[in-house]
Amino acid sequence: MELKKSSSPFFIVSAITSGLIFLFGVWWLYLIFKLSDRLSSLNVTEDLNIGSLIKWEGTTFLVLILVLVVSHTLLFIRDQRKNRSITAFFAGLTHELKTPLASIKLQSEVIKDEVDGIDNQRLEKLTNRLIEDTIRLENQMDKILQLSRLERGGNLNFVDVDITHFIANIVKSDYSSKLNVELEDGAEEVSVSADEFALSIIFKNLLENTISHTNSKDVSITITTLEDKAIITYQDKGTFNGEINKLGNLFYKHESTKGSGIGLYLSRKLISRMHGSLDITKENGLIFKISLPLSKAEEENE
């Protein structure tokens, strides 16, 4: 997966370089042996046996190169094993935390129901904050689990999804009181072939970023179709002063202390795995243009 490739470029480049040096060394040694044999046949000698000296130097060079190749190979294997161990650990830890987190969320909602019958604004504010923080933590757990899933080469579960209805449900369930979302679709129904869990992470991440990193709460989402693709354009009205070409890089957070820096990276990878693309531009706020393949039934209707 992508993380594995990006976590060890030094070892890959070093291994390739060492391999090339090794091949050149073999060829060089072959030529030296041929030359030394020729020198011996011509009886070209001085105080030292030049042919023997060249052979020993060439053999030593070849052995050193072989040691270099083997050491880099061992380092590469150790690096991959360490990555797999760390990934498995965090995946297991995150999975174990999901159950008590869901229990905390459920109990918080029960407390909120009890508080609704009591005229205590401070208590109501605290319970609302508890639920919001629990949801935010739950979303972070989902991101880590999905990142681990991608890291281990997990497969996505492709189904037909009514993208307009899907986004509307996400906004209504968790974000209707926090953001002013204007959802427009250029067609009555746009169905895409995608993984629902992955889609949920992608759009929740965009909405959470707007809440955490912008002062504006206005969001515009438009859905159109182009050939065999659905185009979802997400635009907020906030300001961004960072480097836009770095958005989507792992752990990039600009100057913000909030978030983990994996949300957009994960979103881009998930969209790519679903055979789509993500383009980010800046014009009166950030514009995220997501392209996803239409479902087979939708393509036939087209």
C-alpha atoms as a PDB file:
ATOM      1  CA  MET A   1       0.000   0.000   0.000  1.00  0.00           C
ATOM      2  CA  GLU A   2       0.937   3.651  -0.232  1.00  0.00           C
ATOM      3  CA  LEU A   3       2.316   3.994   3.271  1.00  0.00           C
ATOM      4  CA  LYS A   4       4.629   1.072   2.791  1.00  0.00           C
ATOM      5  CA  LYS A   5       5.994   2.551  -0.399  1.00  0.00           C
ATOM      6  CA  SER A   6       6.525   5.970   1.093  1.00  0.00           C
ATOM      7  CA  SER A   7       7.974   4.730   4.405  1.00  0.00           C
ATOM      8  CA  SER A   8      11.148   3.200   2.934  1.00  0.00           C
ATOM      9  CA  PRO A   9      12.307   5.031  -0.216  1.00  0.00           C
ATOM     10  CA  PHE A  10      15.857   5.150   1.129  1.00  0.00           C
ATOM     11  CA  PHE A  11      16.078   1.377   1.307  1.00  0.00           C
ATOM     12  CA  ILE A  12      14.546   0.899  -2.138  1.00  0.00           C
ATOM     13  CA  VAL A  13      16.887   3.412  -3.787  1.00  0.00           C
ATOM     14  CA  SER A  14      19.855   2.033  -1.869  1.00  0.00           C
ATOM     15  CA  ALA A  15      19.005  -1.528  -2.866  1.00  0.00           C
ATOM     16  CA  ILE A  16      18.722  -0.576  -6.545  1.00  0.00           C
ATOM     17  CA  THR A  17      21.969   1.403  -6.388  1.00  0.00           C
ATOM     18  CA  SER A  18      23.757  -1.427  -4.605  1.00  0.00           C
ATOM     19  CA  GLY A  19      22.483  -3.894  -7.180  1.00  0.00           C
ATOM     20  CA  LEU A  20      23.798  -1.778 -10.035  1.00  0.00           C
ATOM     21  CA  ILE A  21      27.160  -1.331  -8.307  1.00  0.00           C
ATOM     22  CA  PHE A  22      27.285  -5.073  -7.724  1.00  0.00           C
ATOM     23  CA  LEU A  23      26.682  -5.782 -11.423  1.00  0.00           C
ATOM     24  CA  PHE A  24      29.328  -3.262 -12.441  1.00  0.00           C
ATOM     25  CA  GLY A  25      31.673  -4.831  -9.906  1.00  0.00           C
ATOM     26  CA  VAL A  26      31.140  -8.305 -11.366  1.00  0.00           C
ATOM     27  CA  TRP A  27      31.806  -7.009 -14.866  1.00  0.00           C
ATOM     28  CA  TRP A  28      34.862  -5.086 -13.671  1.00  0.00           C
ATOM     29  CA  LEU A  29      36.179  -8.169 -11.853  1.00  0.00           C
ATOM     30  CA  TYR A  30      35.637 -10.304 -14.948  1.00  0.00           C
ATOM     31  CA  LEU A  31      37.659  -7.874 -17.050  1.00  0.00           C
ATOM     32  CA  ILE A  32      40.412  -7.752 -14.407  1.00  0.00           C
ATOM     33  CA  PHE A  33      40.701 -11.543 -14.297  1.00  0.00           C
ATOM     34  CA  LYS A  34      40.908 -11.641 -18.076  1.00  0.00           C
ATOM     35  CA  LEU A  35      43.562  -8.919 -17.990  1.00  0.00           C
ATOM     36  CA  SER A  36      45.558 -10.606 -15.242  1.00  0.00           C
ATOM     37  CA  ASP A  37      45.499 -13.907 -17.142  1.00  0.00           C
ATOM     38  CA  ARG A  38      46.762 -12.090 -20.209  1.00  0.00           C
ATOM     39  CA  LEU A  39      49.495 -10.405 -18.184  1.00  0.00           C
ATOM     40  CA  SER A  40      50.525 -13.768 -16.757  1.00  0.00           C
ATOM     41  CA  SER A  41      50.667 -15.331 -20.211  1.00  0.00           C
ATOM     42  CA  LEU A  42      52.906 -12.486 -21.379  1.00  0.00           C
ATOM     43  CA  ASN A  43      55.180 -12.968 -18.332  1.00  0.00           C
ATOM     44  CA  VAL A  44      54.796  -9.322 -17.383  1.00  0.00           C
ATOM     45  CA  THR A  45      56.119  -9.345 -13.814  1.00  0.00           C
ATOM     46  CA  GLU A  46      57.942  -7.052 -11.482  1.00  0.00           C
ATOM     47  CA  ASP A  47      58.808  -7.478  -7.815  1.00  0.00           C
ATOM     48  CA  LEU A  48      55.140  -8.140  -7.120  1.00  0.00           C
ATOM     49  CA  ASN A  49      52.816 -10.440  -8.966  1.00  0.00           C
ATOM     50  CA  ILE A  50      50.556  -7.836 -10.626  1.00  0.00           C
ATOM     51  CA  GLY A  51      47.998 -10.390 -11.769  1.00  0.00           C
ATOM     52  CA  SER A  52      47.583 -11.842  -8.283  1.00  0.00           C
ATOM     53  CA  LEU A  53      47.349  -8.368  -6.756  1.00  0.00           C
ATOM     54  CA  ILE A  54      44.610  -7.316  -9.166  1.00  0.00           C
ATOM     55  CA  LYS A  55      42.648 -10.499  -8.460  1.00  0.00           C
ATOM     56  CA  TRP A  56      42.815  -9.964  -4.698  1.00  0.00           C
ATOM     57  CA  GLU A  57      41.749  -6.330  -4.968  1.00  0.00           C
ATOM     58  CA  GLY A  58      38.881  -7.196  -7.280  1.00  0.00           C
ATOM     59  CA  THR A  59      37.695 -10.007  -5.021  1.00  0.00           C
ATOM     60  CA  THR A  60      37.816  -7.717  -1.980  1.00  0.00           C
ATOM     61  CA  PHE A  61      35.802  -5.071  -3.825  1.00  0.00           C
ATOM     62  CA  LEU A  62      33.180  -7.640  -4.815  1.00  0.00           C
ATOM     63  CA  VAL A  63      32.904  -8.964  -1.240  1.00  0.00           C
ATOM     64  CA  LEU A  64      32.426  -5.443   0.134  1.00  0.00           C
ATOM     65  CA  ILE A  65      29.678  -4.745  -2.393  1.00  0.00           C
ATOM     66  CA  LEU A  66      28.016  -8.045  -1.500  1.00  0.00           C
ATOM     67  CA  VAL A  67      28.067  -7.093   2.188  1.00  0.00           C
ATOM     68  CA  LEU A  68      26.503  -3.729   1.297  1.00  0.00           C
ATOM     69  CA  VAL A  69      23.686  -5.377  -0.674  1.00  0.00           C
ATOM     70  CA  VAL A  70      22.958  -7.919   2.065  1.00  0.00           C
ATOM     71  CA  SER A  71      22.977  -5.293   4.837  1.00  0.00           C
ATOM     72  CA  HIS A  72      20.573  -3.029   2.956  1.00  0.00           C
ATOM     73  CA  THR A  73      18.298  -5.960   2.213  1.00  0.00           C
ATOM     74  CA  LEU A  74      18.211  -6.907   5.894  1.00  0.00           C
ATOM     75  CA  LEU A  75      17.480  -3.296   6.883  1.00  0.00           C
ATOM     76  CA  PHE A  76      14.665  -3.147   4.349  1.00  0.00           C
ATOM     77  CA  ILE A  77      13.104  -6.374   5.664  1.00  0.00           C
ATOM     78  CA  ARG A  78      13.405  -5.152   9.268  1.00  0.00           C
ATOM     79  CA  ASP A  79      11.795  -1.839   8.323  1.00  0.00           C
ATOM     80  CA  GLN A  80       8.846  -3.607   6.702  1.00  0.00           C
ATOM     81  CA  ARG A  81       8.357  -5.904   9.701  1.00  0.00           C
ATOM     82  CA  LYS A  82       8.439  -2.937  12.065  1.00  0.00           C
ATOM     83  CA  ASN A  83       5.863  -1.089   9.949  1.00  0.00           C
ATOM     84  CA  ARG A  84       3.553  -4.096   9.953  1.00  0.00           C
ATOM     85  CA  SER A  85       3.909  -4.496  13.721  1.00  0.00           C
ATOM     86  CA  ILE A  86       3.140  -0.821  14.399  1.00  0.00           C
ATOM     87  CA  THR A  87       0.177  -0.894  12.028  1.00  0.00           C
ATOM     88  CA  ALA A  88      -1.226  -4.034  13.633  1.00  0.00           C
ATOM     89  CA  PHE A  89      -0.779  -2.554  17.114  1.00  0.00           C
ATOM     90  CA  PHE A  90      -2.634   0.673  16.348  1.00  0.00           C
ATOM     91  CA  ALA A  91      -5.336  -1.182  14.449  1.00  0.00           C
ATOM     92  CA  GLY A  92      -5.918  -3.465  17.430  1.00  0.00           C
ATOM     93  CA  LEU A  93      -5.791  -0.607  19.922  1.00  0.00           C
ATOM     94  CA  THR A  94      -8.231   1.491  17.894  1.00  0.00           C
ATOM     95  CA  HIS A  95     -10.605  -1.423  17.521  1.00  0.00           C
ATOM     96  CA  GLU A  96     -10.531  -2.063  21.271  1.00  0.00           C
ATOM     97  CA  LEU A  97     -11.282   1.599  21.990  1.00  0.00           C
ATOM     98  CA  LYS A  98     -14.290   1.656  19.661  1.00  0.00           C
ATOM     99  CA  THR A  99     -16.496  -0.409  21.995  1.00  0.00           C
ATOM    100  CA  PRO A 100     -16.094   1.692  25.188  1.00  0.00           C
ATOM    101  CA  LEU A 101     -16.323   4.840  23.067  1.00  0.00           C
ATOM    102  CA  ALA A 102     -19.675   3.738  21.668  1.00  0.00           C
ATOM    103  CA  SER A 103     -20.818   3.004  25.222  1.00  0.00           C
ATOM    104  CA  ILE A 104     -19.760   6.489  26.379  1.00  0.00           C
ATOM    105  CA  LYS A 105     -21.653   8.049  23.495  1.00  0.00           C
ATOM    106  CA  LEU A 106     -24.803   6.070  24.296  1.00  0.00           C
ATOM    107  CA  GLN A 107     -24.672   6.964  27.992  1.00  0.00           C
ATOM    108  CA  SER A 108     -24.040  10.614  27.124  1.00  0.00           C
ATOM    109  CA  GLU A 109     -27.173  10.656  24.985  1.00  0.00           C
ATOM    110  CA  VAL A 110     -29.150   9.097  27.852  1.00  0.00           C
ATOM    111  CA  ILE A 111     -27.841  11.785  30.211  1.00  0.00           C
ATOM    112  CA  LYS A 112     -28.796  14.450  27.669  1.00  0.00           C
ATOM    113  CA  ASP A 113     -32.349  13.106  27.537  1.00  0.00           C
ATOM    114  CA  GLU A 114     -32.518  13.364  31.329  1.00  0.00           C
ATOM    115  CA  VAL A 115     -31.040  16.869  31.298  1.00  0.00           C
ATOM    116  CA  ASP A 116     -33.609  18.083  28.764  1.00  0.00           C
ATOM    117  CA  GLY A 117     -36.226  17.904  31.509  1.00  0.00           C
ATOM    118  CA  ILE A 118     -34.128  20.026  33.879  1.00  0.00           C
ATOM    119  CA  ASP A 119     -33.740  23.784  33.586  1.00  0.00           C
ATOM    120  CA  ASN A 120     -29.969  23.875  33.867  1.00  0.00           C
ATOM    121  CA  GLN A 121     -28.195  25.513  30.942  1.00  0.00           C
ATOM    122  CA  ARG A 122     -24.689  24.777  32.190  1.00  0.00           C
ATOM    123  CA  LEU A 123     -25.419  21.064  32.563  1.00  0.00           C
ATOM    124  CA  GLU A 124     -27.039  21.001  29.124  1.00  0.00           C
ATOM    125  CA  LYS A 125     -23.998  22.715  27.606  1.00  0.00           C
ATOM    126  CA  LEU A 126     -21.632  20.218  29.215  1.00  0.00           C
ATOM    127  CA  THR A 127     -23.602  17.192  28.014  1.00  0.00           C
ATOM    128  CA  ASN A 128     -23.756  18.601  24.481  1.00  0.00           C
ATOM    129  CA  ARG A 129     -20.000  19.159  24.575  1.00  0.00           C
ATOM    130  CA  LEU A 130     -19.469  15.612  25.825  1.00  0.00           C
ATOM    131  CA  ILE A 131     -21.484  14.172  22.937  1.00  0.00           C
ATOM    132  CA  GLU A 132     -19.698  16.378  20.378  1.00  0.00           C
ATOM    133  CA  ASP A 133     -16.265  15.383  21.666  1.00  0.00           C
ATOM    134  CA  THR A 134     -17.272  11.727  21.656  1.00  0.00           C
ATOM    135  CA  ILE A 135     -18.418  11.986  18.037  1.00  0.00           C
ATOM    136  CA  ARG A 136     -15.183  13.756  17.090  1.00  0.00           C
ATOM    137  CA  LEU A 137     -13.108  11.065  18.779  1.00  0.00           C
ATOM    138  CA  GLU A 138     -15.198   8.380  17.092  1.00  0.00           C
ATOM    139  CA  ASN A 139     -14.502   9.970  13.707  1.00  0.00           C
ATOM    140  CA  GLN A 140     -10.768   9.989  14.444  1.00  0.00           C
ATOM    141  CA  MET A 141     -10.944   6.307  15.351  1.00  0.00           C
ATOM    142  CA  ASP A 142     -12.691   5.570  12.057  1.00  0.00           C
ATOM    143  CA  LYS A 143      -9.920   7.367  10.174  1.00  0.00           C
ATOM    144  CA  ILE A 144      -7.200   5.377  11.921  1.00  0.00           C
ATOM    145  CA  LEU A 145      -9.021   2.095  11.330  1.00  0.00           C
ATOM    146  CA  GLN A 146      -9.510   2.859   7.655  1.00  0.00           C
ATOM    147  CA  LEU A 147      -5.894   3.975   7.271  1.00  0.00           C
ATOM    148  CA  SER A 148      -4.782   0.715   8.853  1.00  0.00           C
ATOM    149  CA  ARG A 149      -7.148  -1.155   6.572  1.00  0.00           C
ATOM    150  CA  LEU A 150      -5.575   0.455   3.508  1.00  0.00           C
ATOM    151  CA  GLU A 151      -2.080  -0.155   4.888  1.00  0.00           C
ATOM    152  CA  ARG A 152      -2.759  -3.873   5.173  1.00  0.00           C
ATOM    153  CA  GLY A 153      -4.184  -4.042   1.656  1.00  0.00           C
ATOM    154  CA  GLY A 154      -7.811  -4.422   2.716  1.00  0.00           C
ATOM    155  CA  ASN A 155     -10.508  -4.468   0.053  1.00  0.00           C
ATOM    156  CA  LEU A 156     -13.325  -1.951  -0.259  1.00  0.00           C
ATOM    157  CA  ASN A 157     -16.957  -3.031  -0.423  1.00  0.00           C
ATOM    158  CA  PHE A 158     -18.395  -1.441  -3.570  1.00  0.00           C
ATOM    159  CA  VAL A 159     -22.145  -0.847  -3.654  1.00  0.00           C
ATOM    160  CA  ASP A 160     -24.462   1.536  -5.502  1.00  0.00           C
ATOM    161  CA  VAL A 161     -24.945   4.701  -3.434  1.00  0.00           C
ATOM    162  CA  ASP A 162     -27.385   7.555  -4.032  1.00  0.00           C
ATOM    163  CA  ILE A 163     -24.781  10.215  -3.341  1.00  0.00           C
ATOM    164  CA  THR A 164     -27.217  13.109  -2.816  1.00  0.00           C
ATOM    165  CA  HIS A 165     -29.280  11.196  -0.275  1.00  0.00           C
ATOM    166  CA  PHE A 166     -26.104   9.871   1.366  1.00  0.00           C
ATOM    167  CA  ILE A 167     -24.566  13.324   1.918  1.00  0.00           C
ATOM    168  CA  ALA A 168     -27.896  14.769   3.078  1.00  0.00           C
ATOM    169  CA  ASN A 169     -28.159  12.066   5.763  1.00  0.00           C
ATOM    170  CA  ILE A 170     -24.642  12.795   7.053  1.00  0.00           C
ATOM    171  CA  VAL A 171     -25.354  16.519   7.276  1.00  0.00           C
ATOM    172  CA  LYS A 172     -28.730  15.988   8.938  1.00  0.00           C
ATOM    173  CA  SER A 173     -27.505  13.488  11.530  1.00  0.00           C
ATOM    174  CA  ASP A 174     -24.414  15.300  12.841  1.00  0.00           C
ATOM    175  CA  TYR A 175     -23.875  18.723  11.265  1.00  0.00           C
ATOM    176  CA  SER A 176     -27.205  20.481  10.671  1.00  0.00           C
ATOM    177  CA  SER A 177     -26.837  22.534  13.878  1.00  0.00           C
ATOM    178  CA  LYS A 178     -23.184  23.423  13.245  1.00  0.00           C
ATOM    179  CA  LEU A 179     -23.089  24.351   9.559  1.00  0.00           C
ATOM    180  CA  ASN A 180     -25.295  25.980   6.969  1.00  0.00           C
ATOM    181  CA  VAL A 181     -25.037  23.430   4.178  1.00  0.00           C
ATOM    182  CA  GLU A 182     -26.584  24.128   0.795  1.00  0.00           C
ATOM    183  CA  LEU A 183     -26.857  20.876  -1.151  1.00  0.00           C
ATOM    184  CA  GLU A 184     -27.649  21.130  -4.848  1.00  0.00           C
ATOM    185  CA  ASP A 185     -27.858  18.335  -7.373  1.00  0.00           C
ATOM    186  CA  GLY A 186     -28.164  18.772 -11.104  1.00  0.00           C
ATOM    187  CA  ALA A 187     -30.099  15.554 -11.508  1.00  0.00           C
ATOM    188  CA  GLU A 188     -32.916  13.825  -9.664  1.00  0.00           C
ATOM    189  CA  GLU A 189     -30.719  10.967  -8.540  1.00  0.00           C
ATOM    190  CA  VAL A 190     -27.008  10.355  -8.946  1.00  0.00           C
ATOM    191  CA  SER A 191     -25.817   6.890  -8.015  1.00  0.00           C
ATOM    192  CA  VAL A 192     -22.116   6.084  -7.657  1.00  0.00           C
ATOM    193  CA  SER A 193     -20.222   2.846  -7.185  1.00  0.00           C
ATOM    194  CA  ALA A 194     -18.357   3.274  -3.905  1.00  0.00           C
ATOM    195  CA  ASP A 195     -17.696   2.012  -0.383  1.00  0.00           C
ATOM    196  CA  GLU A 196     -20.204   3.562   2.044  1.00  0.00           C
ATOM    197  CA  PHE A 197     -17.838   3.573   5.020  1.00  0.00           C
ATOM    198  CA  ALA A 198     -15.143   5.255   2.932  1.00  0.00           C
ATOM    199  CA  LEU A 199     -17.617   7.854   1.652  1.00  0.00           C
ATOM    200  CA  SER A 200     -18.722   8.574   5.205  1.00  0.00           C
ATOM    201  CA  ILE A 201     -15.134   9.228   6.293  1.00  0.00           C
ATOM    202  CA  ILE A 202     -14.468  11.490   3.286  1.00  0.00           C
ATOM    203  CA  PHE A 203     -17.461  13.795   3.726  1.00  0.00           C
ATOM    204  CA  LYS A 204     -17.312  13.841   7.526  1.00  0.00           C
ATOM    205  CA  ASN A 205     -13.687  14.882   7.234  1.00  0.00           C
ATOM    206  CA  LEU A 206     -14.539  17.775   4.901  1.00  0.00           C
ATOM    207  CA  LEU A 207     -17.315  18.955   7.217  1.00  0.00           C
ATOM    208  CA  GLU A 208     -15.113  18.618  10.308  1.00  0.00           C
ATOM    209  CA  ASN A 209     -12.348  20.600   8.599  1.00  0.00           C
ATOM    210  CA  THR A 210     -14.778  23.429   7.891  1.00  0.00           C
ATOM    211  CA  ILE A 211     -15.866  23.487  11.534  1.00  0.00           C
ATOM    212  CA  SER A 212     -12.341  23.291  12.953  1.00  0.00           C
ATOM    213  CA  HIS A 213     -10.317  25.396  10.549  1.00  0.00           C
ATOM    214  CA  THR A 214     -12.613  28.162   9.249  1.00  0.00           C
ATOM    215  CA  ASN A 215     -14.631  30.968  10.789  1.00  0.00           C
ATOM    216  CA  SER A 216     -17.399  30.667   8.205  1.00  0.00           C
ATOM    217  CA  LYS A 217     -20.122  28.068   8.661  1.00  0.00           C
ATOM    218  CA  ASP A 218     -21.489  28.295   5.112  1.00  0.00           C
ATOM    219  CA  VAL A 219     -20.897  25.301   2.867  1.00  0.00           C
ATOM    220  CA  SER A 220     -22.009  24.706  -0.699  1.00  0.00           C
ATOM    221  CA  ILE A 221     -22.167  21.191  -2.168  1.00  0.00           C
ATOM    222  CA  THR A 222     -23.119  20.649  -5.808  1.00  0.00           C
ATOM    223  CA  ILE A 223     -23.522  17.310  -7.561  1.00  0.00           C
ATOM    224  CA  THR A 224     -23.370  16.931 -11.331  1.00  0.00           C
ATOM    225  CA  THR A 225     -22.462  14.228 -13.844  1.00  0.00           C
ATOM    226  CA  LEU A 226     -19.871  14.251 -16.603  1.00  0.00           C
ATOM    227  CA  GLU A 227     -19.721  11.246 -18.928  1.00  0.00           C
ATOM    228  CA  ASP A 228     -19.264   8.218 -16.641  1.00  0.00           C
ATOM    229  CA  LYS A 229     -18.355  10.242 -13.531  1.00  0.00           C
ATOM    230  CA  ALA A 230     -20.231  11.966 -10.735  1.00  0.00           C
ATOM    231  CA  ILE A 231     -18.675  15.318  -9.808  1.00  0.00           C
ATOM    232  CA  ILE A 232     -19.179  16.438  -6.199  1.00  0.00           C
ATOM    233  CA  THR A 233     -17.957  19.987  -5.553  1.00  0.00           C
ATOM    234  CA  TYR A 234     -17.548  20.965  -1.902  1.00  0.00           C
ATOM    235  CA  GLN A 235     -16.856  24.651  -1.197  1.00  0.00           C
ATOM    236  CA  ASP A 236     -16.545  26.460   2.112  1.00  0.00           C
ATOM    237  CA  LYS A 237     -16.232  30.215   2.619  1.00  0.00           C
ATOM    238  CA  GLY A 238     -13.236  30.179   4.927  1.00  0.00           C
ATOM    239  CA  THR A 239      -9.712  31.452   4.366  1.00  0.00           C
ATOM    240  CA  PHE A 240      -6.610  29.331   3.866  1.00  0.00           C
ATOM    241  CA  ASN A 241      -3.103  30.791   3.967  1.00  0.00           C
ATOM    242  CA  GLY A 242      -1.089  27.596   3.733  1.00  0.00           C
ATOM    243  CA  GLU A 243       0.448  25.838   0.750  1.00  0.00           C
ATOM    244  CA  ILE A 244      -2.449  24.361  -1.182  1.00  0.00           C
ATOM    245  CA  ASN A 245      -0.224  21.845  -2.973  1.00  0.00           C
ATOM    246  CA  LYS A 246       0.594  20.289   0.424  1.00  0.00           C
ATOM    247  CA  LEU A 247      -3.048  19.661   1.306  1.00  0.00           C
ATOM    248  CA  GLY A 248      -3.529  15.917   1.295  1.00  0.00           C
ATOM    249  CA  ASN A 249       0.023  15.173   2.435  1.00  0.00           C
ATOM    250  CA  LEU A 250       0.267  12.901   5.446  1.00  0.00           C
ATOM    251  CA  PHE A 251       0.364  14.840   8.766  1.00  0.00           C
ATOM    252  CA  TYR A 252       0.220  18.258   7.063  1.00  0.00           C
ATOM    253  CA  LYS A 253      -1.785  20.637   9.282  1.00  0.00           C
ATOM    254  CA  HIS A 254      -0.439  24.061   8.206  1.00  0.00           C
ATOM    255  CA  GLU A 255      -0.300  26.070  11.478  1.00  0.00           C
ATOM    256  CA  SER A 256      -3.296  24.429  13.115  1.00  0.00           C
ATOM    257  CA  THR A 257      -3.020  22.612  16.428  1.00  0.00           C
ATOM    258  CA  LYS A 258      -6.280  20.784  15.764  1.00  0.00           C
ATOM    259  CA  GLY A 259      -6.726  17.497  13.966  1.00  0.00           C
ATOM    260  CA  SER A 260      -4.327  14.673  13.220  1.00  0.00           C
ATOM    261  CA  GLY A 261      -3.202  15.605   9.716  1.00  0.00           C
ATOM    262  CA  ILE A 262      -4.387  12.317   8.213  1.00  0.00           C
ATOM    263  CA  GLY A 263      -7.923  13.249   7.147  1.00  0.00           C
ATOM    264  CA  LEU A 264      -7.288  14.674   3.669  1.00  0.00           C
ATOM    265  CA  TYR A 265      -4.482  12.198   3.039  1.00  0.00           C
ATOM    266  CA  LEU A 266      -6.837   9.337   3.830  1.00  0.00           C
ATOM    267  CA  SER A 267      -9.634  10.914   1.776  1.00  0.00           C
ATOM    268  CA  ARG A 268      -7.393  11.209  -1.275  1.00  0.00           C
ATOM    269  CA  LYS A 269      -6.260   7.596  -0.961  1.00  0.00           C
ATOM    270  CA  LEU A 270      -9.805   6.310  -0.492  1.00  0.00           C
ATOM    271  CA  ILE A 271     -11.055   8.268  -3.497  1.00  0.00           C
ATOM    272  CA  SER A 272      -8.184   6.895  -5.562  1.00  0.00           C
ATOM    273  CA  ARG A 273      -9.011   3.338  -4.428  1.00  0.00           C
ATOM    274  CA  MET A 274     -12.592   3.935  -5.579  1.00  0.00           C
ATOM    275  CA  HIS A 275     -11.243   4.877  -9.043  1.00  0.00           C
ATOM    276  CA  GLY A 276     -11.927   8.567  -8.557  1.00  0.00           C
ATOM    277  CA  SER A 277      -9.908  11.747  -8.109  1.00  0.00           C
ATOM    278  CA  LEU A 278      -9.694  14.726  -5.749  1.00  0.00           C
ATOM    279  CA  ASP A 279      -8.714  18.212  -6.923  1.00  0.00           C
ATOM    280  CA  ILE A 280      -8.250  21.088  -4.458  1.00  0.00           C
ATOM    281  CA  THR A 281      -8.326  24.736  -5.527  1.00  0.00           C
ATOM    282  CA  LYS A 282      -8.741  28.069  -3.758  1.00  0.00           C
ATOM    283  CA  GLU A 283     -11.340  30.659  -4.775  1.00  0.00           C
ATOM    284  CA  ASN A 284     -13.319  32.506  -2.086  1.00  0.00           C
ATOM    285  CA  GLY A 285     -12.500  29.594   0.170  1.00  0.00           C
ATOM    286  CA  LEU A 286     -11.303  26.083  -0.547  1.00  0.00           C
ATOM    287  CA  ILE A 287     -12.951  24.053  -3.303  1.00  0.00           C
ATOM    288  CA  PHE A 288     -12.758  20.261  -3.194  1.00  0.00           C
ATOM    289  CA  LYS A 289     -13.815  18.618  -6.449  1.00  0.00           C
ATOM    290  CA  ILE A 290     -14.401  14.886  -6.063  1.00  0.00           C
ATOM    291  CA  SER A 291     -14.872  12.643  -9.086  1.00  0.00           C
ATOM    292  CA  LEU A 292     -16.349   9.161  -8.595  1.00  0.00           C
ATOM    293  CA  PRO A 293     -17.495   6.553 -11.131  1.00  0.00           C
ATOM    294  CA  LEU A 294     -21.221   6.274 -11.720  1.00  0.00           C
ATOM    295  CA  SER A 295     -22.875   2.975 -10.883  1.00  0.00           C
ATOM    296  CA  LYS A 296     -23.558   0.593 -13.772  1.00  0.00           C
ATOM    297  CA  ALA A 297     -27.297   1.222 -13.602  1.00  0.00           C
ATOM    298  CA  GLU A 298     -26.693   4.969 -13.677  1.00  0.00           C
ATOM    299  CA  GLU A 299     -24.442   4.651 -16.740  1.00  0.00           C
ATOM    300  CA  GLU A 300     -27.113   2.657 -18.574  1.00  0.00           C
ATOM    301  CA  ASN A 301     -29.682   5.358 -17.803  1.00  0.00           C
ATOM    302  CA  GLU A 302     -27.302   7.943 -19.200  1.00  0.00           C
END
